[in-house]
Amino acid sequence: MSNCLVKSGRFNLPLPDAIGERLLAHIENKEDDDFVIGIGSKTASRTFLNFKVKHVTDNKLKGFHSFKHMYITAMERAGIEENITAQIVGHERGKTMSYGYYSKGHELRRLKEAVDKGTALM
């Protein structure tokens, strides 16, 4: 997905093929004023909690960020460069002047390759 809008601005979001295809099909059929996924943030949070308890763990200490840690670990183990993973998960990019100030970041195609590679190891 490109040009996604969130509170902090716009960004590109690489998705695994299966998710991207389903999301595009959904977007083509939704009404203009519908949420992209059909629910607001509070409902999404409850849905995630119910899914987690039913399919993953009932450990109250495990939440959304536990999955973020798992994903980042999978990306590292897949050999994905840290600055690519950081960009995918929305963390600040490199600290060097070249990357942090002058670079426009990785191409969406390269980020997508990294997502597919990391997802394969999950």
PDB file of N, CA and C in Angstrom:
ATOM      1  N   MET A   1       0.859  -1.165   0.000  1.00  0.00           N
ATOM      2  CA  MET A   1       0.000   0.000   0.000  1.00  0.00           C
ATOM      3  C   MET A   1       0.901   1.222   0.000  1.00  0.00           C
ATOM      4  N   SER A   2       0.529   2.232  -0.757  1.00  0.00           N
ATOM      5  CA  SER A   2       1.322   3.445  -0.754  1.00  0.00           C
ATOM      6  C   SER A   2       0.461   4.628  -0.357  1.00  0.00           C
ATOM      7  N   ASN A   3       1.126   5.628   0.197  1.00  0.00           N
ATOM      8  CA  ASN A   3       0.478   6.876   0.582  1.00  0.00           C
ATOM      9  C   ASN A   3      -0.578   6.678   1.669  1.00  0.00           C
ATOM     10  N   CYS A   4      -0.301   5.806   2.645  1.00  0.00           N
ATOM     11  CA  CYS A   4      -1.204   5.582   3.781  1.00  0.00           C
ATOM     12  C   CYS A   4      -1.141   6.799   4.701  1.00  0.00           C
ATOM     13  N   LEU A   5      -2.252   7.180   5.282  1.00  0.00           N
ATOM     14  CA  LEU A   5      -2.293   8.342   6.159  1.00  0.00           C
ATOM     15  C   LEU A   5      -2.521   7.909   7.604  1.00  0.00           C
ATOM     16  N   VAL A   6      -1.631   8.360   8.489  1.00  0.00           N
ATOM     17  CA  VAL A   6      -1.773   8.159   9.928  1.00  0.00           C
ATOM     18  C   VAL A   6      -1.510   9.497  10.613  1.00  0.00           C
ATOM     19  N   LYS A   7      -1.668   9.552  11.932  1.00  0.00           N
ATOM     20  CA  LYS A   7      -1.486  10.812  12.658  1.00  0.00           C
ATOM     21  C   LYS A   7      -0.125  11.450  12.399  1.00  0.00           C
ATOM     22  N   SER A   8       0.922  10.632  12.269  1.00  0.00           N
ATOM     23  CA  SER A   8       2.271  11.166  12.095  1.00  0.00           C
ATOM     24  C   SER A   8       2.590  11.528  10.647  1.00  0.00           C
ATOM     25  N   GLY A   9       1.694  11.258   9.721  1.00  0.00           N
ATOM     26  CA  GLY A   9       1.922  11.607   8.319  1.00  0.00           C
ATOM     27  C   GLY A   9       1.583  10.469   7.385  1.00  0.00           C
ATOM     28  N   ARG A  10       2.104  10.562   6.184  1.00  0.00           N
ATOM     29  CA  ARG A  10       1.864   9.542   5.161  1.00  0.00           C
ATOM     30  C   ARG A  10       3.072   8.620   5.053  1.00  0.00           C
ATOM     31  N   PHE A  11       2.818   7.354   4.690  1.00  0.00           N
ATOM     32  CA  PHE A  11       3.904   6.401   4.534  1.00  0.00           C
ATOM     33  C   PHE A  11       3.470   5.292   3.585  1.00  0.00           C
ATOM     34  N   ASN A  12       4.445   4.495   3.141  1.00  0.00           N
ATOM     35  CA  ASN A  12       4.177   3.317   2.327  1.00  0.00           C
ATOM     36  C   ASN A  12       4.223   2.102   3.233  1.00  0.00           C
ATOM     37  N   LEU A  13       3.318   1.160   3.013  1.00  0.00           N
ATOM     38  CA  LEU A  13       3.234  -0.029   3.849  1.00  0.00           C
ATOM     39  C   LEU A  13       3.299  -1.276   2.978  1.00  0.00           C
ATOM     40  N   PRO A  14       4.454  -1.972   2.972  1.00  0.00           N
ATOM     41  CA  PRO A  14       4.540  -3.213   2.205  1.00  0.00           C
ATOM     42  C   PRO A  14       3.773  -4.324   2.924  1.00  0.00           C
ATOM     43  N   LEU A  15       3.010  -5.099   2.182  1.00  0.00           N
ATOM     44  CA  LEU A  15       2.208  -6.180   2.758  1.00  0.00           C
ATOM     45  C   LEU A  15       2.536  -7.503   2.083  1.00  0.00           C
ATOM     46  N   PRO A  16       2.407  -8.609   2.810  1.00  0.00           N
ATOM     47  CA  PRO A  16       2.503  -9.911   2.151  1.00  0.00           C
ATOM     48  C   PRO A  16       1.420 -10.013   1.069  1.00  0.00           C
ATOM     49  N   ASP A  17       1.698 -10.744  -0.001  1.00  0.00           N
ATOM     50  CA  ASP A  17       0.774 -10.829  -1.140  1.00  0.00           C
ATOM     51  C   ASP A  17      -0.646 -11.200  -0.734  1.00  0.00           C
ATOM     52  N   ALA A  18      -0.801 -12.216   0.114  1.00  0.00           N
ATOM     53  CA  ALA A  18      -2.145 -12.685   0.482  1.00  0.00           C
ATOM     54  C   ALA A  18      -2.951 -11.578   1.158  1.00  0.00           C
ATOM     55  N   ILE A  19      -2.313 -10.823   2.032  1.00  0.00           N
ATOM     56  CA  ILE A  19      -3.017  -9.733   2.717  1.00  0.00           C
ATOM     57  C   ILE A  19      -3.296  -8.594   1.747  1.00  0.00           C
ATOM     58  N   GLY A  20      -2.304  -8.235   0.947  1.00  0.00           N
ATOM     59  CA  GLY A  20      -2.477  -7.145  -0.008  1.00  0.00           C
ATOM     60  C   GLY A  20      -3.607  -7.393  -0.987  1.00  0.00           C
ATOM     61  N   GLU A  21      -3.694  -8.615  -1.508  1.00  0.00           N
ATOM     62  CA  GLU A  21      -4.755  -8.949  -2.466  1.00  0.00           C
ATOM     63  C   GLU A  21      -6.134  -8.854  -1.816  1.00  0.00           C
ATOM     64  N   ARG A  22      -6.268  -9.370  -0.603  1.00  0.00           N
ATOM     65  CA  ARG A  22      -7.564  -9.300   0.091  1.00  0.00           C
ATOM     66  C   ARG A  22      -7.934  -7.864   0.427  1.00  0.00           C
ATOM     67  N   LEU A  23      -6.947  -7.082   0.835  1.00  0.00           N
ATOM     68  CA  LEU A  23      -7.205  -5.684   1.179  1.00  0.00           C
ATOM     69  C   LEU A  23      -7.628  -4.883  -0.049  1.00  0.00           C
ATOM     70  N   LEU A  24      -6.943  -5.083  -1.165  1.00  0.00           N
ATOM     71  CA  LEU A  24      -7.319  -4.377  -2.394  1.00  0.00           C
ATOM     72  C   LEU A  24      -8.730  -4.740  -2.832  1.00  0.00           C
ATOM     73  N   ALA A  25      -9.082  -6.022  -2.748  1.00  0.00           N
ATOM     74  CA  ALA A  25     -10.437  -6.451  -3.113  1.00  0.00           C
ATOM     75  C   ALA A  25     -11.465  -5.793  -2.197  1.00  0.00           C
ATOM     76  N   HIS A  26     -11.146  -5.710  -0.918  1.00  0.00           N
ATOM     77  CA  HIS A  26     -12.060  -5.078   0.044  1.00  0.00           C
ATOM     78  C   HIS A  26     -12.227  -3.595  -0.265  1.00  0.00           C
ATOM     79  N   ILE A  27     -11.129  -2.909  -0.526  1.00  0.00           N
ATOM     80  CA  ILE A  27     -11.171  -1.469  -0.800  1.00  0.00           C
ATOM     81  C   ILE A  27     -12.007  -1.174  -2.037  1.00  0.00           C
ATOM     82  N   GLU A  28     -11.895  -2.018  -3.051  1.00  0.00           N
ATOM     83  CA  GLU A  28     -12.666  -1.814  -4.285  1.00  0.00           C
ATOM     84  C   GLU A  28     -14.167  -1.907  -4.041  1.00  0.00           C
ATOM     85  N   ASN A  29     -14.587  -2.651  -3.023  1.00  0.00           N
ATOM     86  CA  ASN A  29     -16.011  -2.873  -2.771  1.00  0.00           C
ATOM     87  C   ASN A  29     -16.588  -2.075  -1.604  1.00  0.00           C
ATOM     88  N   LYS A  30     -15.766  -1.310  -0.905  1.00  0.00           N
ATOM     89  CA  LYS A  30     -16.277  -0.581   0.258  1.00  0.00           C
ATOM     90  C   LYS A  30     -16.900   0.749  -0.153  1.00  0.00           C
ATOM     91  N   GLU A  31     -17.759   1.262   0.707  1.00  0.00           N
ATOM     92  CA  GLU A  31     -18.349   2.584   0.494  1.00  0.00           C
ATOM     93  C   GLU A  31     -17.306   3.646   0.832  1.00  0.00           C
ATOM     94  N   ASP A  32     -17.460   4.835   0.273  1.00  0.00           N
ATOM     95  CA  ASP A  32     -16.473   5.899   0.471  1.00  0.00           C
ATOM     96  C   ASP A  32     -16.224   6.249   1.930  1.00  0.00           C
ATOM     97  N   ASP A  33     -17.258   6.211   2.767  1.00  0.00           N
ATOM     98  CA  ASP A  33     -17.090   6.614   4.166  1.00  0.00           C
ATOM     99  C   ASP A  33     -16.816   5.443   5.110  1.00  0.00           C
ATOM    100  N   ASP A  34     -16.645   4.234   4.576  1.00  0.00           N
ATOM    101  CA  ASP A  34     -16.339   3.066   5.403  1.00  0.00           C
ATOM    102  C   ASP A  34     -14.877   3.094   5.854  1.00  0.00           C
ATOM    103  N   PHE A  35     -14.613   2.517   7.041  1.00  0.00           N
ATOM    104  CA  PHE A  35     -13.236   2.295   7.459  1.00  0.00           C
ATOM    105  C   PHE A  35     -12.617   1.284   6.502  1.00  0.00           C
ATOM    106  N   VAL A  36     -11.302   1.356   6.318  1.00  0.00           N
ATOM    107  CA  VAL A  36     -10.630   0.418   5.411  1.00  0.00           C
ATOM    108  C   VAL A  36     -10.879  -1.019   5.843  1.00  0.00           C
ATOM    109  N   ILE A  37     -10.757  -1.300   7.148  1.00  0.00           N
ATOM    110  CA  ILE A  37     -10.987  -2.669   7.612  1.00  0.00           C
ATOM    111  C   ILE A  37     -12.372  -2.842   8.213  1.00  0.00           C
ATOM    112  N   GLY A  38     -13.203  -1.827   8.107  1.00  0.00           N
ATOM    113  CA  GLY A  38     -14.589  -1.954   8.527  1.00  0.00           C
ATOM    114  C   GLY A  38     -14.865  -1.709   9.997  1.00  0.00           C
ATOM    115  N   ILE A  39     -13.826  -1.432  10.784  1.00  0.00           N
ATOM    116  CA  ILE A  39     -14.013  -1.192  12.215  1.00  0.00           C
ATOM    117  C   ILE A  39     -13.101  -0.058  12.678  1.00  0.00           C
ATOM    118  N   GLY A  40     -13.476   0.571  13.785  1.00  0.00           N
ATOM    119  CA  GLY A  40     -12.658   1.620  14.384  1.00  0.00           C
ATOM    120  C   GLY A  40     -11.593   1.045  15.299  1.00  0.00           C
ATOM    121  N   SER A  41     -10.784   1.918  15.892  1.00  0.00           N
ATOM    122  CA  SER A  41      -9.643   1.470  16.694  1.00  0.00           C
ATOM    123  C   SER A  41     -10.044   0.697  17.954  1.00  0.00           C
ATOM    124  N   LYS A  42     -11.113   1.097  18.637  1.00  0.00           N
ATOM    125  CA  LYS A  42     -11.523   0.382  19.855  1.00  0.00           C
ATOM    126  C   LYS A  42     -11.993  -1.028  19.524  1.00  0.00           C
ATOM    127  N   THR A  43     -12.779  -1.154  18.469  1.00  0.00           N
ATOM    128  CA  THR A  43     -13.241  -2.480  18.053  1.00  0.00           C
ATOM    129  C   THR A  43     -12.066  -3.321  17.577  1.00  0.00           C
ATOM    130  N   ALA A  44     -11.130  -2.706  16.861  1.00  0.00           N
ATOM    131  CA  ALA A  44      -9.946  -3.431  16.390  1.00  0.00           C
ATOM    132  C   ALA A  44      -9.142  -3.960  17.575  1.00  0.00           C
ATOM    133  N   SER A  45      -9.010  -3.144  18.617  1.00  0.00           N
ATOM    134  CA  SER A  45      -8.273  -3.560  19.808  1.00  0.00           C
ATOM    135  C   SER A  45      -8.952  -4.749  20.487  1.00  0.00           C
ATOM    136  N   ARG A  46     -10.277  -4.689  20.637  1.00  0.00           N
ATOM    137  CA  ARG A  46     -11.025  -5.810  21.240  1.00  0.00           C
ATOM    138  C   ARG A  46     -10.925  -7.062  20.370  1.00  0.00           C
ATOM    139  N   THR A  47     -11.001  -6.884  19.056  1.00  0.00           N
ATOM    140  CA  THR A  47     -10.907  -8.018  18.138  1.00  0.00           C
ATOM    141  C   THR A  47      -9.548  -8.687  18.263  1.00  0.00           C
ATOM    142  N   PHE A  48      -8.490  -7.873  18.327  1.00  0.00           N
ATOM    143  CA  PHE A  48      -7.144  -8.419  18.492  1.00  0.00           C
ATOM    144  C   PHE A  48      -7.039  -9.190  19.805  1.00  0.00           C
ATOM    145  N   LEU A  49      -7.553  -8.607  20.891  1.00  0.00           N
ATOM    146  CA  LEU A  49      -7.498  -9.260  22.198  1.00  0.00           C
ATOM    147  C   LEU A  49      -8.220 -10.605  22.159  1.00  0.00           C
ATOM    148  N   ASN A  50      -9.411 -10.643  21.572  1.00  0.00           N
ATOM    149  CA  ASN A  50     -10.167 -11.899  21.471  1.00  0.00           C
ATOM    150  C   ASN A  50      -9.416 -12.930  20.638  1.00  0.00           C
ATOM    151  N   PHE A  51      -8.827 -12.509  19.517  1.00  0.00           N
ATOM    152  CA  PHE A  51      -8.052 -13.412  18.665  1.00  0.00           C
ATOM    153  C   PHE A  51      -6.857 -13.960  19.438  1.00  0.00           C
ATOM    154  N   LYS A  52      -6.153 -13.077  20.130  1.00  0.00           N
ATOM    155  CA  LYS A  52      -4.962 -13.474  20.884  1.00  0.00           C
ATOM    156  C   LYS A  52      -5.310 -14.520  21.932  1.00  0.00           C
ATOM    157  N   VAL A  53      -6.372 -14.281  22.705  1.00  0.00           N
ATOM    158  CA  VAL A  53      -6.764 -15.212  23.767  1.00  0.00           C
ATOM    159  C   VAL A  53      -7.212 -16.550  23.177  1.00  0.00           C
ATOM    160  N   LYS A  54      -7.941 -16.517  22.075  1.00  0.00           N
ATOM    161  CA  LYS A  54      -8.470 -17.747  21.480  1.00  0.00           C
ATOM    162  C   LYS A  54      -7.394 -18.555  20.753  1.00  0.00           C
ATOM    163  N   HIS A  55      -6.471 -17.882  20.060  1.00  0.00           N
ATOM    164  CA  HIS A  55      -5.551 -18.592  19.173  1.00  0.00           C
ATOM    165  C   HIS A  55      -4.084 -18.575  19.589  1.00  0.00           C
ATOM    166  N   VAL A  56      -3.697 -17.694  20.515  1.00  0.00           N
ATOM    167  CA  VAL A  56      -2.272 -17.559  20.818  1.00  0.00           C
ATOM    168  C   VAL A  56      -1.983 -17.816  22.291  1.00  0.00           C
ATOM    169  N   THR A  57      -2.444 -16.949  23.161  1.00  0.00           N
ATOM    170  CA  THR A  57      -2.170 -17.076  24.595  1.00  0.00           C
ATOM    171  C   THR A  57      -3.169 -16.244  25.384  1.00  0.00           C
ATOM    172  N   ASP A  58      -3.421 -16.666  26.617  1.00  0.00           N
ATOM    173  CA  ASP A  58      -4.260 -15.847  27.490  1.00  0.00           C
ATOM    174  C   ASP A  58      -3.397 -15.051  28.468  1.00  0.00           C
ATOM    175  N   ASN A  59      -2.092 -15.059  28.248  1.00  0.00           N
ATOM    176  CA  ASN A  59      -1.152 -14.302  29.061  1.00  0.00           C
ATOM    177  C   ASN A  59      -1.410 -12.807  28.871  1.00  0.00           C
ATOM    178  N   LYS A  60      -1.817 -12.134  29.945  1.00  0.00           N
ATOM    179  CA  LYS A  60      -2.149 -10.706  29.870  1.00  0.00           C
ATOM    180  C   LYS A  60      -0.929  -9.845  29.568  1.00  0.00           C
ATOM    181  N   LEU A  61       0.273 -10.384  29.789  1.00  0.00           N
ATOM    182  CA  LEU A  61       1.491  -9.626  29.510  1.00  0.00           C
ATOM    183  C   LEU A  61       1.838  -9.625  28.027  1.00  0.00           C
ATOM    184  N   LYS A  62       1.210 -10.497  27.262  1.00  0.00           N
ATOM    185  CA  LYS A  62       1.470 -10.564  25.823  1.00  0.00           C
ATOM    186  C   LYS A  62       0.425  -9.741  25.094  1.00  0.00           C
ATOM    187  N   GLY A  63       0.858  -8.744  24.376  1.00  0.00           N
ATOM    188  CA  GLY A  63      -0.057  -7.879  23.639  1.00  0.00           C
ATOM    189  C   GLY A  63       0.439  -7.648  22.231  1.00  0.00           C
ATOM    190  N   PHE A  64      -0.072  -6.599  21.608  1.00  0.00           N
ATOM    191  CA  PHE A  64       0.296  -6.301  20.231  1.00  0.00           C
ATOM    192  C   PHE A  64       1.805  -6.169  20.067  1.00  0.00           C
ATOM    193  N   HIS A  65       2.456  -5.503  21.019  1.00  0.00           N
ATOM    194  CA  HIS A  65       3.892  -5.298  20.873  1.00  0.00           C
ATOM    195  C   HIS A  65       4.681  -6.597  21.001  1.00  0.00           C
ATOM    196  N   SER A  66       4.113  -7.621  21.607  1.00  0.00           N
ATOM    197  CA  SER A  66       4.765  -8.929  21.614  1.00  0.00           C
ATOM    198  C   SER A  66       4.876  -9.456  20.189  1.00  0.00           C
ATOM    199  N   PHE A  67       3.827  -9.232  19.395  1.00  0.00           N
ATOM    200  CA  PHE A  67       3.872  -9.651  17.992  1.00  0.00           C
ATOM    201  C   PHE A  67       4.870  -8.805  17.216  1.00  0.00           C
ATOM    202  N   LYS A  68       4.967  -7.531  17.569  1.00  0.00           N
ATOM    203  CA  LYS A  68       5.940  -6.661  16.915  1.00  0.00           C
ATOM    204  C   LYS A  68       7.351  -7.161  17.209  1.00  0.00           C
ATOM    205  N   HIS A  69       7.615  -7.555  18.462  1.00  0.00           N
ATOM    206  CA  HIS A  69       8.924  -8.110  18.810  1.00  0.00           C
ATOM    207  C   HIS A  69       9.186  -9.387  18.014  1.00  0.00           C
ATOM    208  N   MET A  70       8.186 -10.253  17.914  1.00  0.00           N
ATOM    209  CA  MET A  70       8.331 -11.502  17.170  1.00  0.00           C
ATOM    210  C   MET A  70       8.651 -11.219  15.707  1.00  0.00           C
ATOM    211  N   TYR A  71       7.938 -10.259  15.120  1.00  0.00           N
ATOM    212  CA  TYR A  71       8.149  -9.921  13.714  1.00  0.00           C
ATOM    213  C   TYR A  71       9.554  -9.368  13.503  1.00  0.00           C
ATOM    214  N   ILE A  72       9.984  -8.463  14.378  1.00  0.00           N
ATOM    215  CA  ILE A  72      11.311  -7.871  14.230  1.00  0.00           C
ATOM    216  C   ILE A  72      12.390  -8.934  14.395  1.00  0.00           C
ATOM    217  N   THR A  73      12.206  -9.853  15.319  1.00  0.00           N
ATOM    218  CA  THR A  73      13.150 -10.957  15.483  1.00  0.00           C
ATOM    219  C   THR A  73      13.203 -11.808  14.224  1.00  0.00           C
ATOM    220  N   ALA A  74      12.037 -12.112  13.641  1.00  0.00           N
ATOM    221  CA  ALA A  74      11.995 -12.904  12.403  1.00  0.00           C
ATOM    222  C   ALA A  74      12.723 -12.183  11.277  1.00  0.00           C
ATOM    223  N   MET A  75      12.552 -10.872  11.197  1.00  0.00           N
ATOM    224  CA  MET A  75      13.229 -10.101  10.152  1.00  0.00           C
ATOM    225  C   MET A  75      14.744 -10.148  10.352  1.00  0.00           C
ATOM    226  N   GLU A  76      15.185 -10.021  11.605  1.00  0.00           N
ATOM    227  CA  GLU A  76      16.621 -10.089  11.877  1.00  0.00           C
ATOM    228  C   GLU A  76      17.168 -11.465  11.519  1.00  0.00           C
ATOM    229  N   ARG A  77      16.453 -12.500  11.909  1.00  0.00           N
ATOM    230  CA  ARG A  77      16.904 -13.865  11.626  1.00  0.00           C
ATOM    231  C   ARG A  77      16.871 -14.180  10.136  1.00  0.00           C
ATOM    232  N   ALA A  78      16.044 -13.456   9.398  1.00  0.00           N
ATOM    233  CA  ALA A  78      15.987 -13.636   7.942  1.00  0.00           C
ATOM    234  C   ALA A  78      17.125 -12.898   7.246  1.00  0.00           C
ATOM    235  N   GLY A  79      17.909 -12.156   8.026  1.00  0.00           N
ATOM    236  CA  GLY A  79      19.039 -11.441   7.450  1.00  0.00           C
ATOM    237  C   GLY A  79      18.677 -10.096   6.834  1.00  0.00           C
ATOM    238  N   ILE A  80      17.523  -9.563   7.192  1.00  0.00           N
ATOM    239  CA  ILE A  80      17.095  -8.269   6.661  1.00  0.00           C
ATOM    240  C   ILE A  80      17.888  -7.174   7.371  1.00  0.00           C
ATOM    241  N   GLU A  81      18.379  -6.211   6.612  1.00  0.00           N
ATOM    242  CA  GLU A  81      19.129  -5.108   7.202  1.00  0.00           C
ATOM    243  C   GLU A  81      18.256  -4.379   8.224  1.00  0.00           C
ATOM    244  N   GLU A  82      18.871  -3.986   9.333  1.00  0.00           N
ATOM    245  CA  GLU A  82      18.123  -3.346  10.414  1.00  0.00           C
ATOM    246  C   GLU A  82      17.410  -2.078   9.955  1.00  0.00           C
ATOM    247  N   ASN A  83      18.062  -1.292   9.095  1.00  0.00           N
ATOM    248  CA  ASN A  83      17.405  -0.051   8.667  1.00  0.00           C
ATOM    249  C   ASN A  83      16.182  -0.319   7.794  1.00  0.00           C
ATOM    250  N   ILE A  84      16.144  -1.439   7.102  1.00  0.00           N
ATOM    251  CA  ILE A  84      14.956  -1.800   6.317  1.00  0.00           C
ATOM    252  C   ILE A  84      13.825  -2.201   7.267  1.00  0.00           C
ATOM    253  N   THR A  85      14.142  -3.044   8.241  1.00  0.00           N
ATOM    254  CA  THR A  85      13.126  -3.450   9.215  1.00  0.00           C
ATOM    255  C   THR A  85      12.590  -2.242   9.974  1.00  0.00           C
ATOM    256  N   ALA A  86      13.476  -1.353  10.396  1.00  0.00           N
ATOM    257  CA  ALA A  86      13.052  -0.153  11.122  1.00  0.00           C
ATOM    258  C   ALA A  86      12.065   0.663  10.297  1.00  0.00           C
ATOM    259  N   GLN A  87      12.339   0.798   9.015  1.00  0.00           N
ATOM    260  CA  GLN A  87      11.437   1.564   8.155  1.00  0.00           C
ATOM    261  C   GLN A  87      10.090   0.863   8.007  1.00  0.00           C
ATOM    262  N   ILE A  88      10.090  -0.443   7.896  1.00  0.00           N
ATOM    263  CA  ILE A  88       8.841  -1.195   7.741  1.00  0.00           C
ATOM    264  C   ILE A  88       7.957  -1.052   8.976  1.00  0.00           C
ATOM    265  N   VAL A  89       8.552  -1.137  10.167  1.00  0.00           N
ATOM    266  CA  VAL A  89       7.753  -1.100  11.398  1.00  0.00           C
ATOM    267  C   VAL A  89       7.534   0.310  11.933  1.00  0.00           C
ATOM    268  N   GLY A  90       8.011   1.307  11.206  1.00  0.00           N
ATOM    269  CA  GLY A  90       7.738   2.688  11.569  1.00  0.00           C
ATOM    270  C   GLY A  90       8.690   3.294  12.579  1.00  0.00           C
ATOM    271  N   HIS A  91       9.845   2.676  12.775  1.00  0.00           N
ATOM    272  CA  HIS A  91      10.849   3.254  13.661  1.00  0.00           C
ATOM    273  C   HIS A  91      11.684   4.269  12.896  1.00  0.00           C
ATOM    274  N   GLU A  92      12.388   5.121  13.629  1.00  0.00           N
ATOM    275  CA  GLU A  92      13.244   6.134  13.017  1.00  0.00           C
ATOM    276  C   GLU A  92      14.337   5.463  12.193  1.00  0.00           C
ATOM    277  N   ARG A  93      14.543   5.992  10.986  1.00  0.00           N
ATOM    278  CA  ARG A  93      15.594   5.435  10.137  1.00  0.00           C
ATOM    279  C   ARG A  93      16.960   5.880  10.633  1.00  0.00           C
ATOM    280  N   GLY A  94      17.999   5.349  10.009  1.00  0.00           N
ATOM    281  CA  GLY A  94      19.395   5.520  10.396  1.00  0.00           C
ATOM    282  C   GLY A  94      19.788   6.837  11.035  1.00  0.00           C
ATOM    283  N   LYS A  95      20.874   6.799  11.746  1.00  0.00           N
ATOM    284  CA  LYS A  95      21.372   7.975  12.457  1.00  0.00           C
ATOM    285  C   LYS A  95      22.438   8.716  11.652  1.00  0.00           C
ATOM    286  N   THR A  96      22.880   8.160  10.523  1.00  0.00           N
ATOM    287  CA  THR A  96      23.904   8.834   9.734  1.00  0.00           C
ATOM    288  C   THR A  96      23.293   9.994   8.971  1.00  0.00           C
ATOM    289  N   MET A  97      24.117  10.980   8.639  1.00  0.00           N
ATOM    290  CA  MET A  97      23.634  12.130   7.885  1.00  0.00           C
ATOM    291  C   MET A  97      23.170  11.695   6.491  1.00  0.00           C
ATOM    292  N   SER A  98      23.872  10.748   5.887  1.00  0.00           N
ATOM    293  CA  SER A  98      23.506  10.321   4.532  1.00  0.00           C
ATOM    294  C   SER A  98      22.120   9.689   4.494  1.00  0.00           C
ATOM    295  N   TYR A  99      21.875   8.720   5.374  1.00  0.00           N
ATOM    296  CA  TYR A  99      20.582   8.028   5.362  1.00  0.00           C
ATOM    297  C   TYR A  99      19.507   8.838   6.073  1.00  0.00           C
ATOM    298  N   GLY A 100      19.815   9.351   7.242  1.00  0.00           N
ATOM    299  CA  GLY A 100      18.823  10.031   8.059  1.00  0.00           C
ATOM    300  C   GLY A 100      18.343  11.358   7.494  1.00  0.00           C
ATOM    301  N   TYR A 101      19.209  12.037   6.732  1.00  0.00           N
ATOM    302  CA  TYR A 101      18.834  13.359   6.241  1.00  0.00           C
ATOM    303  C   TYR A 101      18.640  13.396   4.734  1.00  0.00           C
ATOM    304  N   TYR A 102      19.547  12.777   3.989  1.00  0.00           N
ATOM    305  CA  TYR A 102      19.512  12.900   2.533  1.00  0.00           C
ATOM    306  C   TYR A 102      18.763  11.777   1.825  1.00  0.00           C
ATOM    307  N   SER A 103      18.794  10.587   2.374  1.00  0.00           N
ATOM    308  CA  SER A 103      18.167   9.448   1.700  1.00  0.00           C
ATOM    309  C   SER A 103      16.651   9.503   1.797  1.00  0.00           C
ATOM    310  N   LYS A 104      15.999   9.028   0.754  1.00  0.00           N
ATOM    311  CA  LYS A 104      14.532   8.922   0.772  1.00  0.00           C
ATOM    312  C   LYS A 104      14.089   7.542   1.237  1.00  0.00           C
ATOM    313  N   GLY A 105      15.037   6.721   1.661  1.00  0.00           N
ATOM    314  CA  GLY A 105      14.687   5.393   2.162  1.00  0.00           C
ATOM    315  C   GLY A 105      14.687   4.355   1.057  1.00  0.00           C
ATOM    316  N   HIS A 106      14.358   3.152   1.430  1.00  0.00           N
ATOM    317  CA  HIS A 106      14.354   2.040   0.490  1.00  0.00           C
ATOM    318  C   HIS A 106      13.131   2.107  -0.411  1.00  0.00           C
ATOM    319  N   GLU A 107      13.295   1.567  -1.602  1.00  0.00           N
ATOM    320  CA  GLU A 107      12.169   1.502  -2.537  1.00  0.00           C
ATOM    321  C   GLU A 107      11.128   0.539  -1.987  1.00  0.00           C
ATOM    322  N   LEU A 108       9.872   0.799  -2.298  1.00  0.00           N
ATOM    323  CA  LEU A 108       8.779  -0.048  -1.823  1.00  0.00           C
ATOM    324  C   LEU A 108       8.987  -1.497  -2.256  1.00  0.00           C
ATOM    325  N   ARG A 109       9.543  -1.696  -3.444  1.00  0.00           N
ATOM    326  CA  ARG A 109       9.805  -3.055  -3.946  1.00  0.00           C
ATOM    327  C   ARG A 109      10.750  -3.797  -3.002  1.00  0.00           C
ATOM    328  N   ARG A 110      11.819  -3.133  -2.518  1.00  0.00           N
ATOM    329  CA  ARG A 110      12.784  -3.767  -1.616  1.00  0.00           C
ATOM    330  C   ARG A 110      12.157  -4.037  -0.247  1.00  0.00           C
ATOM    331  N   LEU A 111      11.343  -3.113   0.231  1.00  0.00           N
ATOM    332  CA  LEU A 111      10.651  -3.327   1.504  1.00  0.00           C
ATOM    333  C   LEU A 111       9.706  -4.513   1.399  1.00  0.00           C
ATOM    334  N   LYS A 112       9.015  -4.643   0.272  1.00  0.00           N
ATOM    335  CA  LYS A 112       8.095  -5.767   0.039  1.00  0.00           C
ATOM    336  C   LYS A 112       8.856  -7.084   0.047  1.00  0.00           C
ATOM    337  N   GLU A 113      10.040  -7.125  -0.589  1.00  0.00           N
ATOM    338  CA  GLU A 113      10.855  -8.340  -0.576  1.00  0.00           C
ATOM    339  C   GLU A 113      11.225  -8.723   0.856  1.00  0.00           C
ATOM    340  N   ALA A 114      11.549  -7.718   1.670  1.00  0.00           N
ATOM    341  CA  ALA A 114      11.910  -7.969   3.062  1.00  0.00           C
ATOM    342  C   ALA A 114      10.727  -8.511   3.856  1.00  0.00           C
ATOM    343  N   VAL A 115       9.530  -7.963   3.632  1.00  0.00           N
ATOM    344  CA  VAL A 115       8.320  -8.445   4.308  1.00  0.00           C
ATOM    345  C   VAL A 115       8.077  -9.907   3.964  1.00  0.00           C
ATOM    346  N   ASP A 116       8.155 -10.248   2.684  1.00  0.00           N
ATOM    347  CA  ASP A 116       7.924 -11.634   2.255  1.00  0.00           C
ATOM    348  C   ASP A 116       8.954 -12.579   2.872  1.00  0.00           C
ATOM    349  N   LYS A 117      10.213 -12.157   2.912  1.00  0.00           N
ATOM    350  CA  LYS A 117      11.274 -12.999   3.460  1.00  0.00           C
ATOM    351  C   LYS A 117      11.070 -13.222   4.961  1.00  0.00           C
ATOM    352  N   GLY A 118      10.752 -12.172   5.698  1.00  0.00           N
ATOM    353  CA  GLY A 118      10.523 -12.300   7.137  1.00  0.00           C
ATOM    354  C   GLY A 118       9.290 -13.113   7.462  1.00  0.00           C
ATOM    355  N   THR A 119       8.210 -12.900   6.700  1.00  0.00           N
ATOM    356  CA  THR A 119       6.960 -13.623   6.924  1.00  0.00           C
ATOM    357  C   THR A 119       7.149 -15.124   6.719  1.00  0.00           C
ATOM    358  N   ALA A 120       8.004 -15.495   5.779  1.00  0.00           N
ATOM    359  CA  ALA A 120       8.252 -16.913   5.504  1.00  0.00           C
ATOM    360  C   ALA A 120       8.874 -17.625   6.707  1.00  0.00           C
ATOM    361  N   LEU A 121       9.523 -16.877   7.593  1.00  0.00           N
ATOM    362  CA  LEU A 121      10.170 -17.479   8.764  1.00  0.00           C
ATOM    363  C   LEU A 121       9.310 -17.449  10.017  1.00  0.00           C
ATOM    364  N   MET A 122       8.107 -16.913   9.920  1.00  0.00           N
ATOM    365  CA  MET A 122       7.245 -16.808  11.105  1.00  0.00           C
ATOM    366  C   MET A 122       6.467 -18.090  11.317  1.00  0.00           C
TER     367      MET A 122
END
